[in-house]
Amino acid sequence: MKVLVAIVVLIICAFLIYCAIKPPAYFPFLKDDINRIIYGVVGAFFGFKALKMLFTKENKS
């Protein structure tokens, strides 16, 4: 289950970073630079969180 959640979060991360780099035409609000920066930062944050979920061990105490 943990792997499935991490994969979904990585897919969201990839989509957000893609929208930050090359915004699709159906997102007209991404034409502003500040919105693209926000999408890039949030996408990178999700990516780091997903990798942390995959590579850290949980304490079962």
PDB file of N, CA and C in Angstrom:
ATOM      1  N   MET A   1       0.825  -1.193   0.000  1.00  0.00           N
ATOM      2  CA  MET A   1       0.000   0.000   0.000  1.00  0.00           C
ATOM      3  C   MET A   1       0.869   1.255   0.000  1.00  0.00           C
ATOM      4  N   LYS A   2       1.954   1.206   0.766  1.00  0.00           N
ATOM      5  CA  LYS A   2       2.843   2.365   0.842  1.00  0.00           C
ATOM      6  C   LYS A   2       3.478   2.663  -0.517  1.00  0.00           C
ATOM      7  N   VAL A   3       3.790   1.619  -1.256  1.00  0.00           N
ATOM      8  CA  VAL A   3       4.402   1.802  -2.574  1.00  0.00           C
ATOM      9  C   VAL A   3       3.402   2.411  -3.543  1.00  0.00           C
ATOM     10  N   LEU A   4       2.149   1.982  -3.469  1.00  0.00           N
ATOM     11  CA  LEU A   4       1.118   2.524  -4.352  1.00  0.00           C
ATOM     12  C   LEU A   4       0.900   4.011  -4.094  1.00  0.00           C
ATOM     13  N   VAL A   5       0.862   4.395  -2.833  1.00  0.00           N
ATOM     14  CA  VAL A   5       0.694   5.808  -2.479  1.00  0.00           C
ATOM     15  C   VAL A   5       1.884   6.616  -2.985  1.00  0.00           C
ATOM     16  N   ALA A   6       3.086   6.091  -2.829  1.00  0.00           N
ATOM     17  CA  ALA A   6       4.281   6.798  -3.293  1.00  0.00           C
ATOM     18  C   ALA A   6       4.277   6.952  -4.815  1.00  0.00           C
ATOM     19  N   ILE A   7       3.801   5.952  -5.520  1.00  0.00           N
ATOM     20  CA  ILE A   7       3.740   6.039  -6.987  1.00  0.00           C
ATOM     21  C   ILE A   7       2.738   7.100  -7.422  1.00  0.00           C
ATOM     22  N   VAL A   8       1.592   7.158  -6.774  1.00  0.00           N
ATOM     23  CA  VAL A   8       0.582   8.172  -7.103  1.00  0.00           C
ATOM     24  C   VAL A   8       1.123   9.575  -6.822  1.00  0.00           C
ATOM     25  N   VAL A   9       1.817   9.735  -5.699  1.00  0.00           N
ATOM     26  CA  VAL A   9       2.396  11.040  -5.364  1.00  0.00           C
ATOM     27  C   VAL A   9       3.479  11.412  -6.374  1.00  0.00           C
ATOM     28  N   LEU A  10       4.274  10.457  -6.822  1.00  0.00           N
ATOM     29  CA  LEU A  10       5.289  10.746  -7.845  1.00  0.00           C
ATOM     30  C   LEU A  10       4.655  11.123  -9.181  1.00  0.00           C
ATOM     31  N   ILE A  11       3.521  10.532  -9.518  1.00  0.00           N
ATOM     32  CA  ILE A  11       2.816  10.910 -10.749  1.00  0.00           C
ATOM     33  C   ILE A  11       2.309  12.344 -10.640  1.00  0.00           C
ATOM     34  N   ILE A  12       1.750  12.701  -9.488  1.00  0.00           N
ATOM     35  CA  ILE A  12       1.302  14.083  -9.268  1.00  0.00           C
ATOM     36  C   ILE A  12       2.487  15.035  -9.342  1.00  0.00           C
ATOM     37  N   CYS A  13       3.608  14.627  -8.751  1.00  0.00           N
ATOM     38  CA  CYS A  13       4.830  15.436  -8.787  1.00  0.00           C
ATOM     39  C   CYS A  13       5.272  15.684 -10.231  1.00  0.00           C
ATOM     40  N   ALA A  14       5.299  14.628 -11.024  1.00  0.00           N
ATOM     41  CA  ALA A  14       5.718  14.763 -12.418  1.00  0.00           C
ATOM     42  C   ALA A  14       4.777  15.680 -13.188  1.00  0.00           C
ATOM     43  N   PHE A  15       3.485  15.577 -12.938  1.00  0.00           N
ATOM     44  CA  PHE A  15       2.522  16.436 -13.628  1.00  0.00           C
ATOM     45  C   PHE A  15       2.715  17.902 -13.245  1.00  0.00           C
ATOM     46  N   LEU A  16       2.917  18.171 -11.955  1.00  0.00           N
ATOM     47  CA  LEU A  16       3.104  19.554 -11.517  1.00  0.00           C
ATOM     48  C   LEU A  16       4.391  20.152 -12.084  1.00  0.00           C
ATOM     49  N   ILE A  17       5.448  19.381 -12.090  1.00  0.00           N
ATOM     50  CA  ILE A  17       6.706  19.891 -12.647  1.00  0.00           C
ATOM     51  C   ILE A  17       6.589  20.085 -14.154  1.00  0.00           C
ATOM     52  N   TYR A  18       5.890  19.184 -14.836  1.00  0.00           N
ATOM     53  CA  TYR A  18       5.657  19.362 -16.270  1.00  0.00           C
ATOM     54  C   TYR A  18       4.871  20.643 -16.536  1.00  0.00           C
ATOM     55  N   CYS A  19       3.835  20.898 -15.721  1.00  0.00           N
ATOM     56  CA  CYS A  19       3.039  22.122 -15.892  1.00  0.00           C
ATOM     57  C   CYS A  19       3.870  23.366 -15.593  1.00  0.00           C
ATOM     58  N   ALA A  20       4.829  23.255 -14.690  1.00  0.00           N
ATOM     59  CA  ALA A  20       5.676  24.405 -14.384  1.00  0.00           C
ATOM     60  C   ALA A  20       6.650  24.691 -15.518  1.00  0.00           C
ATOM     61  N   ILE A  21       7.144  23.647 -16.166  1.00  0.00           N
ATOM     62  CA  ILE A  21       8.126  23.841 -17.234  1.00  0.00           C
ATOM     63  C   ILE A  21       7.446  24.234 -18.546  1.00  0.00           C
ATOM     64  N   LYS A  22       6.424  23.475 -18.931  1.00  0.00           N
ATOM     65  CA  LYS A  22       5.722  23.738 -20.195  1.00  0.00           C
ATOM     66  C   LYS A  22       4.222  23.689 -19.932  1.00  0.00           C
ATOM     67  N   PRO A  23       3.624  24.829 -19.570  1.00  0.00           N
ATOM     68  CA  PRO A  23       2.202  24.816 -19.200  1.00  0.00           C
ATOM     69  C   PRO A  23       1.295  24.481 -20.387  1.00  0.00           C
ATOM     70  N   PRO A  24       0.348  23.585 -20.169  1.00  0.00           N
ATOM     71  CA  PRO A  24      -0.611  23.261 -21.229  1.00  0.00           C
ATOM     72  C   PRO A  24      -1.530  24.440 -21.528  1.00  0.00           C
ATOM     73  N   ALA A  25      -2.128  24.427 -22.695  1.00  0.00           N
ATOM     74  CA  ALA A  25      -2.999  25.536 -23.115  1.00  0.00           C
ATOM     75  C   ALA A  25      -4.290  25.587 -22.299  1.00  0.00           C
ATOM     76  N   TYR A  26      -4.723  24.460 -21.736  1.00  0.00           N
ATOM     77  CA  TYR A  26      -5.974  24.447 -20.987  1.00  0.00           C
ATOM     78  C   TYR A  26      -5.810  24.943 -19.554  1.00  0.00           C
ATOM     79  N   PHE A  27      -4.613  25.395 -19.170  1.00  0.00           N
ATOM     80  CA  PHE A  27      -4.374  26.047 -17.880  1.00  0.00           C
ATOM     81  C   PHE A  27      -3.902  27.478 -18.142  1.00  0.00           C
ATOM     82  N   PRO A  28      -4.815  28.401 -18.441  1.00  0.00           N
ATOM     83  CA  PRO A  28      -4.388  29.764 -18.785  1.00  0.00           C
ATOM     84  C   PRO A  28      -3.769  30.522 -17.608  1.00  0.00           C
ATOM     85  N   PHE A  29      -4.056  30.111 -16.376  1.00  0.00           N
ATOM     86  CA  PHE A  29      -3.482  30.801 -15.216  1.00  0.00           C
ATOM     87  C   PHE A  29      -2.005  30.492 -15.030  1.00  0.00           C
ATOM     88  N   LEU A  30      -1.478  29.518 -15.753  1.00  0.00           N
ATOM     89  CA  LEU A  30      -0.057  29.195 -15.638  1.00  0.00           C
ATOM     90  C   LEU A  30       0.816  30.052 -16.550  1.00  0.00           C
ATOM     91  N   LYS A  31       0.220  31.032 -17.191  1.00  0.00           N
ATOM     92  CA  LYS A  31       1.020  31.928 -18.028  1.00  0.00           C
ATOM     93  C   LYS A  31       1.829  32.897 -17.175  1.00  0.00           C
ATOM     94  N   ASP A  32       1.389  33.134 -15.928  1.00  0.00           N
ATOM     95  CA  ASP A  32       2.144  33.989 -15.013  1.00  0.00           C
ATOM     96  C   ASP A  32       3.335  33.217 -14.470  1.00  0.00           C
ATOM     97  N   ASP A  33       4.431  33.923 -14.290  1.00  0.00           N
ATOM     98  CA  ASP A  33       5.643  33.264 -13.804  1.00  0.00           C
ATOM     99  C   ASP A  33       5.512  32.801 -12.357  1.00  0.00           C
ATOM    100  N   ILE A  34       4.815  33.559 -11.519  1.00  0.00           N
ATOM    101  CA  ILE A  34       4.726  33.195 -10.103  1.00  0.00           C
ATOM    102  C   ILE A  34       3.942  31.894  -9.932  1.00  0.00           C
ATOM    103  N   ASN A  35       2.896  31.674 -10.724  1.00  0.00           N
ATOM    104  CA  ASN A  35       2.141  30.425 -10.636  1.00  0.00           C
ATOM    105  C   ASN A  35       2.986  29.237 -11.080  1.00  0.00           C
ATOM    106  N   ARG A  36       3.822  29.446 -12.079  1.00  0.00           N
ATOM    107  CA  ARG A  36       4.698  28.364 -12.529  1.00  0.00           C
ATOM    108  C   ARG A  36       5.746  28.036 -11.478  1.00  0.00           C
ATOM    109  N   ILE A  37       6.244  29.056 -10.787  1.00  0.00           N
ATOM    110  CA  ILE A  37       7.212  28.815  -9.715  1.00  0.00           C
ATOM    111  C   ILE A  37       6.550  28.041  -8.580  1.00  0.00           C
ATOM    112  N   ILE A  38       5.327  28.417  -8.240  1.00  0.00           N
ATOM    113  CA  ILE A  38       4.603  27.717  -7.170  1.00  0.00           C
ATOM    114  C   ILE A  38       4.378  26.259  -7.556  1.00  0.00           C
ATOM    115  N   TYR A  39       3.966  26.001  -8.780  1.00  0.00           N
ATOM    116  CA  TYR A  39       3.764  24.623  -9.225  1.00  0.00           C
ATOM    117  C   TYR A  39       5.071  23.837  -9.169  1.00  0.00           C
ATOM    118  N   GLY A  40       6.164  24.446  -9.554  1.00  0.00           N
ATOM    119  CA  GLY A  40       7.453  23.763  -9.501  1.00  0.00           C
ATOM    120  C   GLY A  40       7.882  23.439  -8.084  1.00  0.00           C
ATOM    121  N   VAL A  41       7.697  24.379  -7.166  1.00  0.00           N
ATOM    122  CA  VAL A  41       8.092  24.160  -5.768  1.00  0.00           C
ATOM    123  C   VAL A  41       7.222  23.081  -5.130  1.00  0.00           C
ATOM    124  N   VAL A  42       5.916  23.154  -5.347  1.00  0.00           N
ATOM    125  CA  VAL A  42       5.015  22.156  -4.774  1.00  0.00           C
ATOM    126  C   VAL A  42       5.284  20.776  -5.383  1.00  0.00           C
ATOM    127  N   GLY A  43       5.537  20.726  -6.673  1.00  0.00           N
ATOM    128  CA  GLY A  43       5.860  19.449  -7.321  1.00  0.00           C
ATOM    129  C   GLY A  43       7.141  18.847  -6.778  1.00  0.00           C
ATOM    130  N   ALA A  44       8.157  19.665  -6.582  1.00  0.00           N
ATOM    131  CA  ALA A  44       9.415  19.157  -6.018  1.00  0.00           C
ATOM    132  C   ALA A  44       9.210  18.690  -4.583  1.00  0.00           C
ATOM    133  N   PHE A  45       8.399  19.416  -3.811  1.00  0.00           N
ATOM    134  CA  PHE A  45       8.104  19.014  -2.433  1.00  0.00           C
ATOM    135  C   PHE A  45       7.417  17.654  -2.403  1.00  0.00           C
ATOM    136  N   PHE A  46       6.416  17.465  -3.270  1.00  0.00           N
ATOM    137  CA  PHE A  46       5.738  16.171  -3.338  1.00  0.00           C
ATOM    138  C   PHE A  46       6.701  15.065  -3.743  1.00  0.00           C
ATOM    139  N   GLY A  47       7.600  15.372  -4.658  1.00  0.00           N
ATOM    140  CA  GLY A  47       8.574  14.370  -5.083  1.00  0.00           C
ATOM    141  C   GLY A  47       9.489  13.950  -3.958  1.00  0.00           C
ATOM    142  N   PHE A  48       9.994  14.914  -3.192  1.00  0.00           N
ATOM    143  CA  PHE A  48      10.863  14.580  -2.062  1.00  0.00           C
ATOM    144  C   PHE A  48      10.107  13.798  -0.994  1.00  0.00           C
ATOM    145  N   LYS A  49       8.852  14.157  -0.745  1.00  0.00           N
ATOM    146  CA  LYS A  49       8.057  13.430   0.246  1.00  0.00           C
ATOM    147  C   LYS A  49       7.808  11.988  -0.205  1.00  0.00           C
ATOM    148  N   ALA A  50       7.540  11.789  -1.488  1.00  0.00           N
ATOM    149  CA  ALA A  50       7.299  10.434  -1.990  1.00  0.00           C
ATOM    150  C   ALA A  50       8.565   9.589  -1.885  1.00  0.00           C
ATOM    151  N   LEU A  51       9.698  10.170  -2.221  1.00  0.00           N
ATOM    152  CA  LEU A  51      10.954   9.424  -2.101  1.00  0.00           C
ATOM    153  C   LEU A  51      11.275   9.124  -0.647  1.00  0.00           C
ATOM    154  N   LYS A  52      10.957  10.046   0.240  1.00  0.00           N
ATOM    155  CA  LYS A  52      11.171   9.806   1.663  1.00  0.00           C
ATOM    156  C   LYS A  52      10.274   8.674   2.152  1.00  0.00           C
ATOM    157  N   MET A  53       9.021   8.635   1.668  1.00  0.00           N
ATOM    158  CA  MET A  53       8.119   7.546   2.052  1.00  0.00           C
ATOM    159  C   MET A  53       8.645   6.198   1.573  1.00  0.00           C
ATOM    160  N   LEU A  54       9.247   6.176   0.402  1.00  0.00           N
ATOM    161  CA  LEU A  54       9.734   4.916  -0.151  1.00  0.00           C
ATOM    162  C   LEU A  54      10.982   4.410   0.563  1.00  0.00           C
ATOM    163  N   PHE A  55      11.880   5.307   0.947  1.00  0.00           N
ATOM    164  CA  PHE A  55      13.188   4.884   1.414  1.00  0.00           C
ATOM    165  C   PHE A  55      13.409   4.985   2.911  1.00  0.00           C
ATOM    166  N   THR A  56      12.396   5.353   3.683  1.00  0.00           N
ATOM    167  CA  THR A  56      12.562   5.347   5.129  1.00  0.00           C
ATOM    168  C   THR A  56      11.824   4.176   5.725  1.00  0.00           C
ATOM    169  N   LYS A  57      12.334   3.723   6.836  1.00  0.00           N
ATOM    170  CA  LYS A  57      11.750   2.574   7.512  1.00  0.00           C
ATOM    171  C   LYS A  57      10.860   3.058   8.649  1.00  0.00           C
ATOM    172  N   GLU A  58       9.698   2.455   8.801  1.00  0.00           N
ATOM    173  CA  GLU A  58       8.780   2.839   9.867  1.00  0.00           C
ATOM    174  C   GLU A  58       9.129   2.081  11.142  1.00  0.00           C
ATOM    175  N   ASN A  59       8.980   2.750  12.280  1.00  0.00           N
ATOM    176  CA  ASN A  59       9.149   2.080  13.569  1.00  0.00           C
ATOM    177  C   ASN A  59       7.832   1.443  13.971  1.00  0.00           C
ATOM    178  N   LYS A  60       7.839   0.171  14.205  1.00  0.00           N
ATOM    179  CA  LYS A  60       6.630  -0.564  14.607  1.00  0.00           C
ATOM    180  C   LYS A  60       6.691  -0.881  16.091  1.00  0.00           C
ATOM    181  N   SER A  61       6.922   0.143  16.929  1.00  0.00           N
ATOM    182  CA  SER A  61       7.022  -0.082  18.368  1.00  0.00           C
ATOM    183  C   SER A  61       5.719   0.208  19.062  1.00  0.00           C
TER     184      SER A  61
END
